[in-house]
Amino acid sequence: MEFGKVSNVDTIDWTLPADSKTTELFLRSQVHTTKTIYYLGSPAWGVKTWSGTLYPPKTKAADYLYYYSRVFQSVELNTAHYRIPSAEQIEKWLAQIPIEFLFCSKVHQDISHKRNGLKDKELINVWYQYLDNLGGHRGPCFLQLPPHFSYENKYELFQFLQQWPSDYELAIEFRHPSWFTDRQILPALSDYLRSKKIGCVITDVAGRRDVLHTTITSSFSMVRFIGNDLHPSDTSRMHNWSIRLKKWSDLGLNRVFFFVHQPDDLLTPQMTRIAIEHLNKNCGAELAPLTFFEN
């Protein structure tokens, strides 16, 4: 992931920003009758180097998803950003996964990044059909706005959101600095998103600390945790996140989608084990402990 990447993370201030009063008030207003559900995931399952650690040795590529879905509860489906999966492909995926597994799909790039893509009704309808094909395995999808998409483009975004069906849960990842103030989503914007039950993606990455916010605008939170090859800060950051998520859980957050990233995904299994340990210890997440296969 190039967004927010830096060559040296030793001097980064990893402190999580304080919660705004509106976030706490919103969470307290949520109906929370059961324990918070934690969905842990990564951006891919087709990583060959995971054979022998996360997957059994010599696992065939066709079986990666089967084993992935026995460790993770969700996936940040980046592949949908580049090519909308066909109904046939989805049918093959659904045959491999447990009943509770969810796909959290990144909205196709021709919608999110192409000029006038947010107005392309034909393509948007294709995207809706794709979401329908996921059936009960459809988690919240997320719209990643390009770095140049600023607050000046707000009317284009709002027009898109006005026609977004409430049947499909959605979160938005803002990247341009104009959407933030004091490391929080602009108050008027967060109020609007809450009225639409649309979430805000939280991205924790070294080189863009402004996009690390703590604004909650829906009954779920989606966190993209960008690690740095198991630098010691990865573990301390994970601890801090588990403490914050426990607070949000106690306040009334219903679901957490936590996506683990590492450079080229090579050390994702190791970071996932750390994440599980902290989420279980500090949040009571009850995720199955991760043990590696041996070559």
C-alpha atoms as a PDB file:
ATOM      1  CA  MET A   1       0.000   0.000   0.000  1.00  0.00           C
ATOM      2  CA  GLU A   2       1.668   3.257  -1.148  1.00  0.00           C
ATOM      3  CA  PHE A   3      -0.818   5.690   0.434  1.00  0.00           C
ATOM      4  CA  GLY A   4       0.803   7.123   3.567  1.00  0.00           C
ATOM      5  CA  LYS A   5       3.933   4.997   3.216  1.00  0.00           C
ATOM      6  CA  VAL A   6       7.151   6.333   4.761  1.00  0.00           C
ATOM      7  CA  SER A   7      10.674   4.924   4.761  1.00  0.00           C
ATOM      8  CA  ASN A   8      11.281   5.343   8.504  1.00  0.00           C
ATOM      9  CA  VAL A   9       8.521   4.989  11.106  1.00  0.00           C
ATOM     10  CA  ASP A  10      10.707   5.480  14.191  1.00  0.00           C
ATOM     11  CA  THR A  11       9.621   9.086  14.716  1.00  0.00           C
ATOM     12  CA  ILE A  12       5.900   8.683  13.989  1.00  0.00           C
ATOM     13  CA  ASP A  13       3.469   9.739  16.710  1.00  0.00           C
ATOM     14  CA  TRP A  14       1.091   6.780  16.830  1.00  0.00           C
ATOM     15  CA  THR A  15      -1.245   8.283  19.440  1.00  0.00           C
ATOM     16  CA  LEU A  16      -4.921   7.677  18.756  1.00  0.00           C
ATOM     17  CA  PRO A  17      -6.959  10.893  18.769  1.00  0.00           C
ATOM     18  CA  ALA A  18      -9.522  11.406  21.496  1.00  0.00           C
ATOM     19  CA  ASP A  19     -13.141  10.596  20.767  1.00  0.00           C
ATOM     20  CA  SER A  20     -15.387  13.519  20.007  1.00  0.00           C
ATOM     21  CA  LYS A  21     -18.419  14.136  22.227  1.00  0.00           C
ATOM     22  CA  THR A  22     -20.693  13.471  19.243  1.00  0.00           C
ATOM     23  CA  THR A  23     -19.128  10.040  18.747  1.00  0.00           C
ATOM     24  CA  GLU A  24     -19.738   9.082  22.365  1.00  0.00           C
ATOM     25  CA  LEU A  25     -23.306  10.405  22.300  1.00  0.00           C
ATOM     26  CA  PHE A  26     -24.007   8.542  19.062  1.00  0.00           C
ATOM     27  CA  LEU A  27     -22.662   5.249  20.389  1.00  0.00           C
ATOM     28  CA  ARG A  28     -24.719   5.547  23.555  1.00  0.00           C
ATOM     29  CA  SER A  29     -27.811   5.951  21.385  1.00  0.00           C
ATOM     30  CA  GLN A  30     -27.281   2.621  19.624  1.00  0.00           C
ATOM     31  CA  VAL A  31     -29.373  -0.438  20.481  1.00  0.00           C
ATOM     32  CA  HIS A  32     -26.812  -2.880  21.840  1.00  0.00           C
ATOM     33  CA  THR A  33     -28.400  -6.053  23.196  1.00  0.00           C
ATOM     34  CA  THR A  34     -25.559  -8.477  22.469  1.00  0.00           C
ATOM     35  CA  LYS A  35     -21.759  -8.479  22.640  1.00  0.00           C
ATOM     36  CA  THR A  36     -19.874  -6.593  19.989  1.00  0.00           C
ATOM     37  CA  ILE A  37     -19.035  -8.873  17.055  1.00  0.00           C
ATOM     38  CA  TYR A  38     -15.452  -8.685  15.767  1.00  0.00           C
ATOM     39  CA  TYR A  39     -14.688  -9.462  12.138  1.00  0.00           C
ATOM     40  CA  LEU A  40     -10.971  -9.794  11.509  1.00  0.00           C
ATOM     41  CA  GLY A  41      -9.671  -9.792   7.947  1.00  0.00           C
ATOM     42  CA  SER A  42      -6.940  -8.894   5.487  1.00  0.00           C
ATOM     43  CA  PRO A  43      -6.980  -7.496   1.930  1.00  0.00           C
ATOM     44  CA  ALA A  44      -6.350 -10.820   0.163  1.00  0.00           C
ATOM     45  CA  TRP A  45      -6.326 -14.574   0.557  1.00  0.00           C
ATOM     46  CA  GLY A  46      -4.254 -15.563  -2.488  1.00  0.00           C
ATOM     47  CA  VAL A  47      -0.818 -15.143  -0.912  1.00  0.00           C
ATOM     48  CA  LYS A  48       1.448 -18.065  -1.812  1.00  0.00           C
ATOM     49  CA  THR A  49       3.867 -17.472   1.059  1.00  0.00           C
ATOM     50  CA  TRP A  50       1.107 -18.231   3.570  1.00  0.00           C
ATOM     51  CA  SER A  51       1.338 -21.923   2.661  1.00  0.00           C
ATOM     52  CA  GLY A  52       3.127 -23.542   5.560  1.00  0.00           C
ATOM     53  CA  THR A  53       2.014 -20.893   8.071  1.00  0.00           C
ATOM     54  CA  LEU A  54      -1.607 -19.797   7.689  1.00  0.00           C
ATOM     55  CA  TYR A  55      -2.355 -22.592   5.183  1.00  0.00           C
ATOM     56  CA  PRO A  56      -1.137 -26.192   5.225  1.00  0.00           C
ATOM     57  CA  PRO A  57       2.049 -26.849   3.259  1.00  0.00           C
ATOM     58  CA  LYS A  58       1.545 -27.255  -0.487  1.00  0.00           C
ATOM     59  CA  THR A  59      -2.008 -25.896  -0.401  1.00  0.00           C
ATOM     60  CA  LYS A  60      -3.434 -25.431  -3.891  1.00  0.00           C
ATOM     61  CA  ALA A  61      -4.431 -21.908  -4.902  1.00  0.00           C
ATOM     62  CA  ALA A  62      -8.012 -23.087  -5.421  1.00  0.00           C
ATOM     63  CA  ASP A  63      -8.182 -23.955  -1.710  1.00  0.00           C
ATOM     64  CA  TYR A  64      -6.731 -20.724  -0.301  1.00  0.00           C
ATOM     65  CA  LEU A  65     -10.127 -19.173   0.428  1.00  0.00           C
ATOM     66  CA  TYR A  66     -11.284 -22.295   2.254  1.00  0.00           C
ATOM     67  CA  TYR A  67      -8.399 -22.081   4.732  1.00  0.00           C
ATOM     68  CA  TYR A  68      -8.452 -18.274   4.863  1.00  0.00           C
ATOM     69  CA  SER A  69     -12.105 -18.284   5.929  1.00  0.00           C
ATOM     70  CA  ARG A  70     -11.304 -20.704   8.777  1.00  0.00           C
ATOM     71  CA  VAL A  71      -8.956 -18.103  10.283  1.00  0.00           C
ATOM     72  CA  PHE A  72     -10.612 -14.811   9.341  1.00  0.00           C
ATOM     73  CA  GLN A  73     -14.242 -13.797   9.595  1.00  0.00           C
ATOM     74  CA  SER A  74     -14.116 -11.319   6.719  1.00  0.00           C
ATOM     75  CA  VAL A  75     -12.013 -10.001   3.851  1.00  0.00           C
ATOM     76  CA  GLU A  76     -11.337  -6.514   2.570  1.00  0.00           C
ATOM     77  CA  LEU A  77     -12.093  -7.486  -1.007  1.00  0.00           C
ATOM     78  CA  ASN A  78      -9.731  -5.292  -3.012  1.00  0.00           C
ATOM     79  CA  THR A  79     -10.132  -7.414  -6.132  1.00  0.00           C
ATOM     80  CA  ALA A  80     -13.652  -6.007  -6.601  1.00  0.00           C
ATOM     81  CA  HIS A  81     -12.091  -2.553  -6.928  1.00  0.00           C
ATOM     82  CA  TYR A  82     -10.416  -3.633 -10.173  1.00  0.00           C
ATOM     83  CA  ARG A  83     -12.881  -6.182 -11.562  1.00  0.00           C
ATOM     84  CA  ILE A  84     -16.440  -6.806 -10.453  1.00  0.00           C
ATOM     85  CA  PRO A  85     -16.662 -10.545  -9.729  1.00  0.00           C
ATOM     86  CA  SER A  86     -19.098 -12.535 -11.847  1.00  0.00           C
ATOM     87  CA  ALA A  87     -21.996 -14.520 -10.455  1.00  0.00           C
ATOM     88  CA  GLU A  88     -20.138 -17.724 -11.375  1.00  0.00           C
ATOM     89  CA  GLN A  89     -17.055 -16.636  -9.456  1.00  0.00           C
ATOM     90  CA  ILE A  90     -19.102 -15.725  -6.413  1.00  0.00           C
ATOM     91  CA  GLU A  91     -20.840 -19.106  -6.487  1.00  0.00           C
ATOM     92  CA  LYS A  92     -17.429 -20.805  -6.279  1.00  0.00           C
ATOM     93  CA  TRP A  93     -16.420 -18.592  -3.362  1.00  0.00           C
ATOM     94  CA  LEU A  94     -19.611 -19.212  -1.429  1.00  0.00           C
ATOM     95  CA  ALA A  95     -19.097 -22.968  -1.684  1.00  0.00           C
ATOM     96  CA  GLN A  96     -15.844 -22.662   0.322  1.00  0.00           C
ATOM     97  CA  ILE A  97     -16.728 -20.402   3.246  1.00  0.00           C
ATOM     98  CA  PRO A  98     -18.488 -20.801   6.610  1.00  0.00           C
ATOM     99  CA  ILE A  99     -21.981 -19.390   7.036  1.00  0.00           C
ATOM    100  CA  GLU A 100     -20.817 -16.390   9.100  1.00  0.00           C
ATOM    101  CA  PHE A 101     -18.055 -15.221   6.715  1.00  0.00           C
ATOM    102  CA  LEU A 102     -18.540 -11.758   5.156  1.00  0.00           C
ATOM    103  CA  PHE A 103     -17.102 -10.040   2.059  1.00  0.00           C
ATOM    104  CA  CYS A 104     -16.413  -6.323   2.549  1.00  0.00           C
ATOM    105  CA  SER A 105     -15.923  -5.115  -1.007  1.00  0.00           C
ATOM    106  CA  LYS A 106     -14.060  -2.010  -2.121  1.00  0.00           C
ATOM    107  CA  VAL A 107     -16.332  -0.193  -4.587  1.00  0.00           C
ATOM    108  CA  HIS A 108     -15.159  -0.536  -8.177  1.00  0.00           C
ATOM    109  CA  GLN A 109     -12.598   2.061  -9.255  1.00  0.00           C
ATOM    110  CA  ASP A 110     -14.645   3.230 -12.258  1.00  0.00           C
ATOM    111  CA  ILE A 111     -17.277   4.367  -9.770  1.00  0.00           C
ATOM    112  CA  SER A 112     -14.993   5.822  -7.103  1.00  0.00           C
ATOM    113  CA  HIS A 113     -12.075   7.189  -9.141  1.00  0.00           C
ATOM    114  CA  LYS A 114     -13.248   7.779 -12.722  1.00  0.00           C
ATOM    115  CA  ARG A 115     -14.530  11.207 -13.701  1.00  0.00           C
ATOM    116  CA  ASN A 116     -18.328  11.241 -13.278  1.00  0.00           C
ATOM    117  CA  GLY A 117     -18.144   7.669 -11.987  1.00  0.00           C
ATOM    118  CA  LEU A 118     -20.406   8.522  -9.068  1.00  0.00           C
ATOM    119  CA  LYS A 119     -23.054   9.429 -11.662  1.00  0.00           C
ATOM    120  CA  ASP A 120     -22.643   6.314 -13.812  1.00  0.00           C
ATOM    121  CA  LYS A 121     -26.032   4.730 -13.085  1.00  0.00           C
ATOM    122  CA  GLU A 122     -25.455   1.765 -15.410  1.00  0.00           C
ATOM    123  CA  LEU A 123     -22.231   0.732 -13.711  1.00  0.00           C
ATOM    124  CA  ILE A 124     -23.646   1.429 -10.255  1.00  0.00           C
ATOM    125  CA  ASN A 125     -26.543  -0.897 -11.028  1.00  0.00           C
ATOM    126  CA  VAL A 126     -24.030  -3.587 -12.024  1.00  0.00           C
ATOM    127  CA  TRP A 127     -22.406  -3.067  -8.635  1.00  0.00           C
ATOM    128  CA  TYR A 128     -25.759  -3.482  -6.885  1.00  0.00           C
ATOM    129  CA  GLN A 129     -26.291  -6.771  -8.713  1.00  0.00           C
ATOM    130  CA  TYR A 130     -22.873  -7.938  -7.579  1.00  0.00           C
ATOM    131  CA  LEU A 131     -23.773  -7.111  -3.974  1.00  0.00           C
ATOM    132  CA  ASP A 132     -27.044  -9.017  -4.348  1.00  0.00           C
ATOM    133  CA  ASN A 133     -25.120 -12.055  -5.566  1.00  0.00           C
ATOM    134  CA  LEU A 134     -23.188 -12.141  -2.276  1.00  0.00           C
ATOM    135  CA  GLY A 135     -26.453 -12.744  -0.446  1.00  0.00           C
ATOM    136  CA  GLY A 136     -26.058 -13.333   3.274  1.00  0.00           C
ATOM    137  CA  HIS A 137     -22.274 -13.102   2.951  1.00  0.00           C
ATOM    138  CA  ARG A 138     -22.447  -9.413   2.032  1.00  0.00           C
ATOM    139  CA  GLY A 139     -20.722  -7.243   4.600  1.00  0.00           C
ATOM    140  CA  PRO A 140     -20.468  -3.454   4.448  1.00  0.00           C
ATOM    141  CA  CYS A 141     -18.755  -2.323   1.261  1.00  0.00           C
ATOM    142  CA  PHE A 142     -16.578   0.772   1.264  1.00  0.00           C
ATOM    143  CA  LEU A 143     -16.100   3.660  -1.102  1.00  0.00           C
ATOM    144  CA  GLN A 144     -12.461   4.742  -1.200  1.00  0.00           C
ATOM    145  CA  LEU A 145     -12.398   8.319  -2.482  1.00  0.00           C
ATOM    146  CA  PRO A 146      -9.238   9.310  -4.385  1.00  0.00           C
ATOM    147  CA  PRO A 147      -6.750  11.661  -2.668  1.00  0.00           C
ATOM    148  CA  HIS A 148      -7.733  14.569  -4.940  1.00  0.00           C
ATOM    149  CA  PHE A 149     -11.460  14.277  -4.125  1.00  0.00           C
ATOM    150  CA  SER A 150     -11.871  17.252  -1.793  1.00  0.00           C
ATOM    151  CA  TYR A 151     -14.697  18.851   0.144  1.00  0.00           C
ATOM    152  CA  GLU A 152     -15.352  21.018  -2.928  1.00  0.00           C
ATOM    153  CA  ASN A 153     -16.754  17.832  -4.527  1.00  0.00           C
ATOM    154  CA  LYS A 154     -19.244  17.291  -1.713  1.00  0.00           C
ATOM    155  CA  TYR A 155     -22.353  17.775  -3.841  1.00  0.00           C
ATOM    156  CA  GLU A 156     -21.237  15.040  -6.228  1.00  0.00           C
ATOM    157  CA  LEU A 157     -20.766  12.723  -3.258  1.00  0.00           C
ATOM    158  CA  PHE A 158     -24.065  13.674  -1.643  1.00  0.00           C
ATOM    159  CA  GLN A 159     -25.959  13.059  -4.880  1.00  0.00           C
ATOM    160  CA  PHE A 160     -24.418   9.598  -5.021  1.00  0.00           C
ATOM    161  CA  LEU A 161     -25.330   8.886  -1.402  1.00  0.00           C
ATOM    162  CA  GLN A 162     -28.894  10.096  -1.874  1.00  0.00           C
ATOM    163  CA  GLN A 163     -29.573   7.256  -4.293  1.00  0.00           C
ATOM    164  CA  TRP A 164     -27.605   4.601  -2.393  1.00  0.00           C
ATOM    165  CA  PRO A 165     -30.076   1.894  -1.237  1.00  0.00           C
ATOM    166  CA  SER A 166     -30.304   1.426   2.523  1.00  0.00           C
ATOM    167  CA  ASP A 167     -30.254  -2.371   1.966  1.00  0.00           C
ATOM    168  CA  TYR A 168     -26.505  -2.183   1.267  1.00  0.00           C
ATOM    169  CA  GLU A 169     -24.299  -1.113   4.179  1.00  0.00           C
ATOM    170  CA  LEU A 170     -21.663   1.396   3.125  1.00  0.00           C
ATOM    171  CA  ALA A 171     -18.600   3.072   4.615  1.00  0.00           C
ATOM    172  CA  ILE A 172     -16.526   5.855   3.054  1.00  0.00           C
ATOM    173  CA  GLU A 173     -12.761   6.313   3.192  1.00  0.00           C
ATOM    174  CA  PHE A 174     -11.890  10.011   2.927  1.00  0.00           C
ATOM    175  CA  ARG A 175      -8.331  10.883   1.954  1.00  0.00           C
ATOM    176  CA  HIS A 176      -8.213  14.577   1.090  1.00  0.00           C
ATOM    177  CA  PRO A 177      -7.318  16.716   4.179  1.00  0.00           C
ATOM    178  CA  SER A 178     -10.297  19.015   3.600  1.00  0.00           C
ATOM    179  CA  TRP A 179     -12.707  16.385   5.001  1.00  0.00           C
ATOM    180  CA  PHE A 180     -11.029  16.525   8.420  1.00  0.00           C
ATOM    181  CA  THR A 181     -10.586  18.970  11.241  1.00  0.00           C
ATOM    182  CA  ASP A 182      -8.513  18.136  14.330  1.00  0.00           C
ATOM    183  CA  ARG A 183      -8.337  14.497  13.153  1.00  0.00           C
ATOM    184  CA  GLN A 184     -12.117  14.169  13.088  1.00  0.00           C
ATOM    185  CA  ILE A 185     -14.579  14.069  10.216  1.00  0.00           C
ATOM    186  CA  LEU A 186     -16.180  17.502   9.704  1.00  0.00           C
ATOM    187  CA  PRO A 187     -19.131  17.773  12.148  1.00  0.00           C
ATOM    188  CA  ALA A 188     -21.776  18.601   9.536  1.00  0.00           C
ATOM    189  CA  LEU A 189     -20.580  15.715   7.365  1.00  0.00           C
ATOM    190  CA  SER A 190     -20.597  13.244  10.253  1.00  0.00           C
ATOM    191  CA  ASP A 191     -24.143  14.311  11.163  1.00  0.00           C
ATOM    192  CA  TYR A 192     -25.250  13.691   7.580  1.00  0.00           C
ATOM    193  CA  LEU A 193     -23.600  10.263   7.454  1.00  0.00           C
ATOM    194  CA  ARG A 194     -25.242   9.291  10.734  1.00  0.00           C
ATOM    195  CA  SER A 195     -28.617  10.251   9.320  1.00  0.00           C
ATOM    196  CA  LYS A 196     -27.938   7.861   6.400  1.00  0.00           C
ATOM    197  CA  LYS A 197     -26.381   5.148   8.655  1.00  0.00           C
ATOM    198  CA  ILE A 198     -23.221   5.303   6.521  1.00  0.00           C
ATOM    199  CA  GLY A 199     -19.895   4.508   8.171  1.00  0.00           C
ATOM    200  CA  CYS A 200     -16.492   6.181   8.004  1.00  0.00           C
ATOM    201  CA  VAL A 201     -13.446   4.025   7.309  1.00  0.00           C
ATOM    202  CA  ILE A 202     -10.630   4.648   9.787  1.00  0.00           C
ATOM    203  CA  THR A 203      -7.193   4.274   8.222  1.00  0.00           C
ATOM    204  CA  ASP A 204      -4.199   4.016  10.560  1.00  0.00           C
ATOM    205  CA  VAL A 205      -1.130   4.587   8.381  1.00  0.00           C
ATOM    206  CA  ALA A 206       2.246   6.143   9.178  1.00  0.00           C
ATOM    207  CA  GLY A 207       2.463   9.003   6.701  1.00  0.00           C
ATOM    208  CA  ARG A 208      -1.071  10.396   6.939  1.00  0.00           C
ATOM    209  CA  ARG A 209      -1.942  10.836  10.586  1.00  0.00           C
ATOM    210  CA  ASP A 210      -4.671  13.320   9.652  1.00  0.00           C
ATOM    211  CA  VAL A 211      -6.842  10.546   8.212  1.00  0.00           C
ATOM    212  CA  LEU A 212      -6.624   8.612  11.485  1.00  0.00           C
ATOM    213  CA  HIS A 213      -9.884   9.796  13.016  1.00  0.00           C
ATOM    214  CA  THR A 214     -12.240   8.439  15.673  1.00  0.00           C
ATOM    215  CA  THR A 215     -15.552   9.528  14.201  1.00  0.00           C
ATOM    216  CA  ILE A 216     -18.255   6.846  14.373  1.00  0.00           C
ATOM    217  CA  THR A 217     -21.299   7.355  12.151  1.00  0.00           C
ATOM    218  CA  SER A 218     -22.920   3.895  11.964  1.00  0.00           C
ATOM    219  CA  SER A 219     -23.551   0.822  14.088  1.00  0.00           C
ATOM    220  CA  PHE A 220     -20.273  -0.659  12.836  1.00  0.00           C
ATOM    221  CA  SER A 221     -16.701   0.568  12.609  1.00  0.00           C
ATOM    222  CA  MET A 222     -14.243  -0.341   9.851  1.00  0.00           C
ATOM    223  CA  VAL A 223     -10.539   0.005  10.681  1.00  0.00           C
ATOM    224  CA  ARG A 224      -7.731  -0.445   8.162  1.00  0.00           C
ATOM    225  CA  PHE A 225      -4.568  -1.077  10.197  1.00  0.00           C
ATOM    226  CA  ILE A 226      -1.445  -0.566   8.065  1.00  0.00           C
ATOM    227  CA  GLY A 227       1.530  -2.252   9.725  1.00  0.00           C
ATOM    228  CA  ASN A 228       5.228  -1.929   9.041  1.00  0.00           C
ATOM    229  CA  ASP A 229       6.852  -5.377   8.825  1.00  0.00           C
ATOM    230  CA  LEU A 230       6.242  -6.082  12.529  1.00  0.00           C
ATOM    231  CA  HIS A 231       8.068  -2.965  13.675  1.00  0.00           C
ATOM    232  CA  PRO A 232       7.690  -2.799  17.494  1.00  0.00           C
ATOM    233  CA  SER A 233       5.127  -0.050  17.001  1.00  0.00           C
ATOM    234  CA  ASP A 234       2.794  -2.554  15.303  1.00  0.00           C
ATOM    235  CA  THR A 235       2.294  -4.385  18.597  1.00  0.00           C
ATOM    236  CA  SER A 236       1.900  -1.258  20.723  1.00  0.00           C
ATOM    237  CA  ARG A 237      -0.536   0.207  18.209  1.00  0.00           C
ATOM    238  CA  MET A 238      -2.574  -2.999  18.259  1.00  0.00           C
ATOM    239  CA  HIS A 239      -2.725  -2.823  22.039  1.00  0.00           C
ATOM    240  CA  ASN A 240      -3.951   0.772  21.902  1.00  0.00           C
ATOM    241  CA  TRP A 241      -6.570  -0.132  19.315  1.00  0.00           C
ATOM    242  CA  SER A 242      -7.879  -2.989  21.447  1.00  0.00           C
ATOM    243  CA  ILE A 243      -8.301  -0.609  24.387  1.00  0.00           C
ATOM    244  CA  ARG A 244     -10.169   1.920  22.235  1.00  0.00           C
ATOM    245  CA  LEU A 245     -12.378  -0.740  20.665  1.00  0.00           C
ATOM    246  CA  LYS A 246     -13.265  -2.057  24.125  1.00  0.00           C
ATOM    247  CA  LYS A 247     -14.389   1.458  25.061  1.00  0.00           C
ATOM    248  CA  TRP A 248     -16.523   1.718  21.922  1.00  0.00           C
ATOM    249  CA  SER A 249     -17.964  -1.712  22.597  1.00  0.00           C
ATOM    250  CA  ASP A 250     -18.950  -0.692  26.103  1.00  0.00           C
ATOM    251  CA  LEU A 251     -20.573   2.463  24.730  1.00  0.00           C
ATOM    252  CA  GLY A 252     -22.720   0.539  22.244  1.00  0.00           C
ATOM    253  CA  LEU A 253     -20.818  -0.287  19.052  1.00  0.00           C
ATOM    254  CA  ASN A 254     -22.400  -3.361  17.455  1.00  0.00           C
ATOM    255  CA  ARG A 255     -19.740  -4.612  15.026  1.00  0.00           C
ATOM    256  CA  VAL A 256     -16.047  -4.069  14.319  1.00  0.00           C
ATOM    257  CA  PHE A 257     -14.402  -4.866  10.973  1.00  0.00           C
ATOM    258  CA  PHE A 258     -10.647  -4.814  11.568  1.00  0.00           C
ATOM    259  CA  PHE A 259      -8.433  -5.321   8.511  1.00  0.00           C
ATOM    260  CA  VAL A 260      -4.752  -6.149   8.988  1.00  0.00           C
ATOM    261  CA  HIS A 261      -2.269  -4.922   6.379  1.00  0.00           C
ATOM    262  CA  GLN A 262       1.460  -5.591   6.100  1.00  0.00           C
ATOM    263  CA  PRO A 263       3.808  -4.695   3.206  1.00  0.00           C
ATOM    264  CA  ASP A 264       3.054  -7.131   0.364  1.00  0.00           C
ATOM    265  CA  ASP A 265       0.960  -9.090   2.923  1.00  0.00           C
ATOM    266  CA  LEU A 266       4.008 -11.221   3.735  1.00  0.00           C
ATOM    267  CA  LEU A 267       3.819 -10.908   7.525  1.00  0.00           C
ATOM    268  CA  THR A 268       0.040 -10.695   7.777  1.00  0.00           C
ATOM    269  CA  PRO A 269      -0.236 -14.125   9.521  1.00  0.00           C
ATOM    270  CA  GLN A 270       2.154 -13.001  12.264  1.00  0.00           C
ATOM    271  CA  MET A 271       0.376  -9.659  12.683  1.00  0.00           C
ATOM    272  CA  THR A 272      -2.976 -11.429  12.725  1.00  0.00           C
ATOM    273  CA  ARG A 273      -1.871 -13.596  15.628  1.00  0.00           C
ATOM    274  CA  ILE A 274      -0.896 -10.448  17.543  1.00  0.00           C
ATOM    275  CA  ALA A 275      -4.239  -8.841  16.712  1.00  0.00           C
ATOM    276  CA  ILE A 276      -6.204 -11.875  17.907  1.00  0.00           C
ATOM    277  CA  GLU A 277      -4.308 -11.964  21.199  1.00  0.00           C
ATOM    278  CA  HIS A 278      -5.052  -8.307  21.953  1.00  0.00           C
ATOM    279  CA  LEU A 279      -8.663  -8.372  20.800  1.00  0.00           C
ATOM    280  CA  ASN A 280      -9.364 -11.465  22.898  1.00  0.00           C
ATOM    281  CA  LYS A 281      -7.540 -10.207  25.988  1.00  0.00           C
ATOM    282  CA  ASN A 282      -8.785  -6.626  26.030  1.00  0.00           C
ATOM    283  CA  CYS A 283     -12.089  -6.791  24.144  1.00  0.00           C
ATOM    284  CA  GLY A 284     -13.362 -10.268  24.914  1.00  0.00           C
ATOM    285  CA  ALA A 285     -13.584 -10.881  21.167  1.00  0.00           C
ATOM    286  CA  GLU A 286     -13.538 -14.704  21.525  1.00  0.00           C
ATOM    287  CA  LEU A 287     -11.614 -15.184  18.276  1.00  0.00           C
ATOM    288  CA  ALA A 288      -9.994 -18.591  17.828  1.00  0.00           C
ATOM    289  CA  PRO A 289      -6.262 -18.442  18.710  1.00  0.00           C
ATOM    290  CA  LEU A 290      -4.074 -18.688  15.623  1.00  0.00           C
ATOM    291  CA  THR A 291      -1.651 -21.591  15.352  1.00  0.00           C
ATOM    292  CA  PHE A 292       0.581 -21.990  12.334  1.00  0.00           C
ATOM    293  CA  PHE A 293       1.069 -25.086  10.223  1.00  0.00           C
ATOM    294  CA  GLU A 294       4.573 -26.427   9.999  1.00  0.00           C
ATOM    295  CA  ASN A 295       6.435 -27.212   6.761  1.00  0.00           C
END
